Amino acid sequence: MKFKQYDAVRLKGILAPIAQLNDEFNLRSPKTGDVAYIIEIYENPLGYELEYSDADGITQWLMAFQPHEVELEFVS
């Protein structure tokens, strides 16, 4: 399935190690089950910028992934 910008996606699996996060955009690491939004789609190489926010709308993490690094499931 080809995803589009602003689609909501669930992280079904994280297939590559995630580096230690230590900046103002990442309060925690991504976890399997997180529902994030596709903020940007990159063409070369193919990748997705994903943002996950808590119930209060505070960004918990903002990261770019290539398709081989994460398994995504379309939510809406």
N, C-alpha and C. Protein backbone atom coordinates (compact mmCIF):
# COMPACT_ATOMS: atom_id res chain seq x y z
N MET A 1 0.84 -1.18 0.00
CA MET A 1 0.00 0.00 0.00
C MET A 1 0.89 1.24 0.00
N LYS A 2 0.52 2.18 -0.79
CA LYS A 2 1.24 3.45 -0.83
C LYS A 2 0.57 4.42 0.13
N PHE A 3 1.34 4.93 1.05
CA PHE A 3 0.81 5.88 2.03
C PHE A 3 0.86 7.29 1.46
N LYS A 4 0.00 8.17 2.03
CA LYS A 4 -0.05 9.56 1.61
C LYS A 4 0.28 10.46 2.79
N GLN A 5 0.67 11.68 2.48
CA GLN A 5 0.95 12.67 3.52
C GLN A 5 -0.30 12.86 4.38
N TYR A 6 -0.11 12.93 5.67
CA TYR A 6 -1.13 13.12 6.71
C TYR A 6 -1.94 11.86 7.03
N ASP A 7 -1.60 10.73 6.43
CA ASP A 7 -2.23 9.47 6.83
C ASP A 7 -1.83 9.14 8.27
N ALA A 8 -2.74 8.54 9.00
CA ALA A 8 -2.42 7.99 10.32
C ALA A 8 -1.99 6.54 10.12
N VAL A 9 -0.88 6.18 10.75
CA VAL A 9 -0.34 4.83 10.62
C VAL A 9 0.06 4.29 11.99
N ARG A 10 -0.13 3.00 12.18
CA ARG A 10 0.28 2.32 13.41
C ARG A 10 1.62 1.64 13.17
N LEU A 11 2.54 1.78 14.10
CA LEU A 11 3.82 1.09 14.01
C LEU A 11 3.59 -0.36 14.42
N LYS A 12 3.57 -1.26 13.44
CA LYS A 12 3.38 -2.68 13.72
C LYS A 12 4.68 -3.34 14.15
N GLY A 13 5.77 -2.76 13.72
CA GLY A 13 7.07 -3.31 14.09
C GLY A 13 8.18 -2.33 13.79
N ILE A 14 9.18 -2.33 14.64
CA ILE A 14 10.38 -1.53 14.41
C ILE A 14 11.48 -2.51 14.05
N LEU A 15 11.97 -2.40 12.82
CA LEU A 15 12.84 -3.42 12.25
C LEU A 15 14.32 -3.06 12.29
N ALA A 16 14.64 -1.87 12.79
CA ALA A 16 16.04 -1.44 12.87
C ALA A 16 16.24 -0.74 14.21
N PRO A 17 17.44 -0.78 14.76
CA PRO A 17 17.69 -0.08 16.02
C PRO A 17 17.46 1.42 15.88
N ILE A 18 16.94 2.01 16.93
CA ILE A 18 16.72 3.45 16.96
C ILE A 18 17.80 4.06 17.85
N ALA A 19 18.45 5.07 17.32
CA ALA A 19 19.52 5.74 18.07
C ALA A 19 18.96 6.41 19.32
N GLN A 20 19.81 6.62 20.29
CA GLN A 20 19.43 7.33 21.51
C GLN A 20 18.89 8.70 21.13
N LEU A 21 17.73 9.06 21.67
CA LEU A 21 17.10 10.34 21.37
C LEU A 21 17.42 11.34 22.47
N ASN A 22 17.82 12.53 22.06
CA ASN A 22 18.14 13.55 23.04
C ASN A 22 18.02 14.93 22.39
N ASP A 23 16.79 15.35 22.12
CA ASP A 23 16.57 16.67 21.56
C ASP A 23 15.15 17.13 21.91
N GLU A 24 14.82 18.34 21.52
CA GLU A 24 13.53 18.92 21.90
C GLU A 24 12.33 18.30 21.19
N PHE A 25 12.55 17.56 20.11
CA PHE A 25 11.44 16.95 19.38
C PHE A 25 11.12 15.54 19.84
N ASN A 26 11.97 14.94 20.62
CA ASN A 26 11.81 13.54 20.99
C ASN A 26 11.86 13.37 22.50
N LEU A 27 10.67 13.26 23.10
CA LEU A 27 10.59 13.06 24.54
C LEU A 27 10.74 11.60 24.90
N ARG A 28 10.47 10.71 23.92
CA ARG A 28 10.65 9.28 24.11
C ARG A 28 10.86 8.61 22.77
N SER A 29 11.27 7.37 22.80
CA SER A 29 11.49 6.60 21.57
C SER A 29 10.17 6.05 21.04
N PRO A 30 10.08 5.84 19.73
CA PRO A 30 8.92 5.18 19.15
C PRO A 30 8.77 3.77 19.71
N LYS A 31 7.52 3.32 19.85
CA LYS A 31 7.22 1.97 20.33
C LYS A 31 6.22 1.31 19.40
N THR A 32 6.30 0.01 19.29
CA THR A 32 5.30 -0.74 18.54
C THR A 32 3.92 -0.42 19.12
N GLY A 33 2.97 -0.15 18.25
CA GLY A 33 1.61 0.19 18.67
C GLY A 33 1.32 1.68 18.61
N ASP A 34 2.35 2.53 18.57
CA ASP A 34 2.13 3.97 18.46
C ASP A 34 1.38 4.28 17.16
N VAL A 35 0.44 5.21 17.22
CA VAL A 35 -0.24 5.70 16.03
C VAL A 35 0.32 7.09 15.74
N ALA A 36 0.98 7.21 14.60
CA ALA A 36 1.65 8.45 14.21
C ALA A 36 1.05 8.96 12.90
N TYR A 37 1.38 10.19 12.58
CA TYR A 37 0.95 10.79 11.31
C TYR A 37 2.15 10.96 10.40
N ILE A 38 1.92 10.74 9.11
CA ILE A 38 2.95 10.96 8.11
C ILE A 38 3.00 12.44 7.82
N ILE A 39 4.08 13.08 8.22
CA ILE A 39 4.24 14.52 8.04
C ILE A 39 4.83 14.83 6.67
N GLU A 40 5.74 13.98 6.22
CA GLU A 40 6.40 14.19 4.93
C GLU A 40 6.74 12.84 4.33
N ILE A 41 6.70 12.78 3.00
CA ILE A 41 7.11 11.58 2.28
C ILE A 41 8.31 11.97 1.42
N TYR A 42 9.39 11.20 1.54
CA TYR A 42 10.60 11.45 0.78
C TYR A 42 10.67 10.47 -0.38
N GLU A 43 11.17 10.94 -1.50
CA GLU A 43 11.21 10.12 -2.71
C GLU A 43 12.54 9.40 -2.93
N ASN A 44 13.66 10.05 -2.66
CA ASN A 44 14.94 9.46 -2.99
C ASN A 44 15.96 9.72 -1.89
N PRO A 45 16.18 8.80 -0.98
CA PRO A 45 15.55 7.49 -0.93
C PRO A 45 14.15 7.59 -0.32
N LEU A 46 13.32 6.59 -0.60
CA LEU A 46 11.97 6.55 -0.09
C LEU A 46 11.99 6.53 1.43
N GLY A 47 11.16 7.35 2.03
CA GLY A 47 11.08 7.39 3.48
C GLY A 47 9.89 8.21 3.94
N TYR A 48 9.64 8.13 5.24
CA TYR A 48 8.50 8.81 5.85
C TYR A 48 8.96 9.56 7.10
N GLU A 49 8.54 10.81 7.23
CA GLU A 49 8.72 11.56 8.47
C GLU A 49 7.44 11.36 9.27
N LEU A 50 7.57 10.76 10.45
CA LEU A 50 6.42 10.44 11.28
C LEU A 50 6.43 11.25 12.56
N GLU A 51 5.24 11.66 12.99
CA GLU A 51 5.10 12.38 14.25
C GLU A 51 4.07 11.68 15.12
N TYR A 52 4.44 11.45 16.37
CA TYR A 52 3.54 10.86 17.36
C TYR A 52 3.33 11.88 18.48
N SER A 53 2.06 12.17 18.78
CA SER A 53 1.72 13.11 19.85
C SER A 53 0.87 12.40 20.89
N ASP A 54 0.95 12.89 22.13
CA ASP A 54 0.12 12.32 23.20
C ASP A 54 -1.30 12.90 23.13
N ALA A 55 -2.15 12.51 24.07
CA ALA A 55 -3.56 12.93 24.09
C ALA A 55 -3.71 14.44 24.24
N ASP A 56 -2.70 15.11 24.78
CA ASP A 56 -2.74 16.57 24.94
C ASP A 56 -2.19 17.30 23.73
N GLY A 57 -1.77 16.56 22.70
CA GLY A 57 -1.24 17.16 21.48
C GLY A 57 0.22 17.53 21.56
N ILE A 58 0.92 17.04 22.57
CA ILE A 58 2.35 17.32 22.71
C ILE A 58 3.15 16.26 21.96
N THR A 59 4.00 16.72 21.06
CA THR A 59 4.82 15.80 20.28
C THR A 59 5.73 15.00 21.20
N GLN A 60 5.65 13.68 21.07
CA GLN A 60 6.49 12.78 21.86
C GLN A 60 7.73 12.36 21.08
N TRP A 61 7.54 12.20 19.76
CA TRP A 61 8.69 11.93 18.89
C TRP A 61 8.37 12.34 17.46
N LEU A 62 9.41 12.71 16.74
CA LEU A 62 9.33 13.13 15.34
C LEU A 62 10.57 12.56 14.67
N MET A 63 10.36 11.57 13.79
CA MET A 63 11.51 10.85 13.21
C MET A 63 11.23 10.46 11.76
N ALA A 64 12.31 10.32 11.01
CA ALA A 64 12.24 9.83 9.64
C ALA A 64 12.63 8.36 9.62
N PHE A 65 11.89 7.58 8.85
CA PHE A 65 12.16 6.15 8.69
C PHE A 65 12.16 5.80 7.21
N GLN A 66 13.01 4.86 6.84
CA GLN A 66 12.93 4.24 5.53
C GLN A 66 12.03 3.02 5.67
N PRO A 67 11.39 2.57 4.59
CA PRO A 67 10.45 1.45 4.68
C PRO A 67 11.04 0.18 5.30
N HIS A 68 12.34 -0.08 5.13
CA HIS A 68 12.94 -1.29 5.69
C HIS A 68 13.18 -1.17 7.19
N GLU A 69 12.98 0.01 7.77
CA GLU A 69 13.24 0.23 9.19
C GLU A 69 12.01 0.08 10.08
N VAL A 70 10.83 0.15 9.47
CA VAL A 70 9.60 0.13 10.27
C VAL A 70 8.47 -0.50 9.45
N GLU A 71 7.64 -1.27 10.13
CA GLU A 71 6.46 -1.86 9.49
C GLU A 71 5.26 -1.01 9.89
N LEU A 72 4.55 -0.46 8.89
CA LEU A 72 3.44 0.44 9.14
C LEU A 72 2.12 -0.18 8.71
N GLU A 73 1.06 0.18 9.43
CA GLU A 73 -0.29 -0.25 9.10
C GLU A 73 -1.17 0.99 8.99
N PHE A 74 -1.91 1.11 7.89
CA PHE A 74 -2.79 2.25 7.65
C PHE A 74 -3.90 2.29 8.71
N VAL A 75 -4.14 3.45 9.31
CA VAL A 75 -5.22 3.62 10.28
C VAL A 75 -6.30 4.49 9.68
N SER A 76 -5.94 5.67 9.15
CA SER A 76 -6.93 6.55 8.49
C SER A 76 -6.24 7.61 7.67
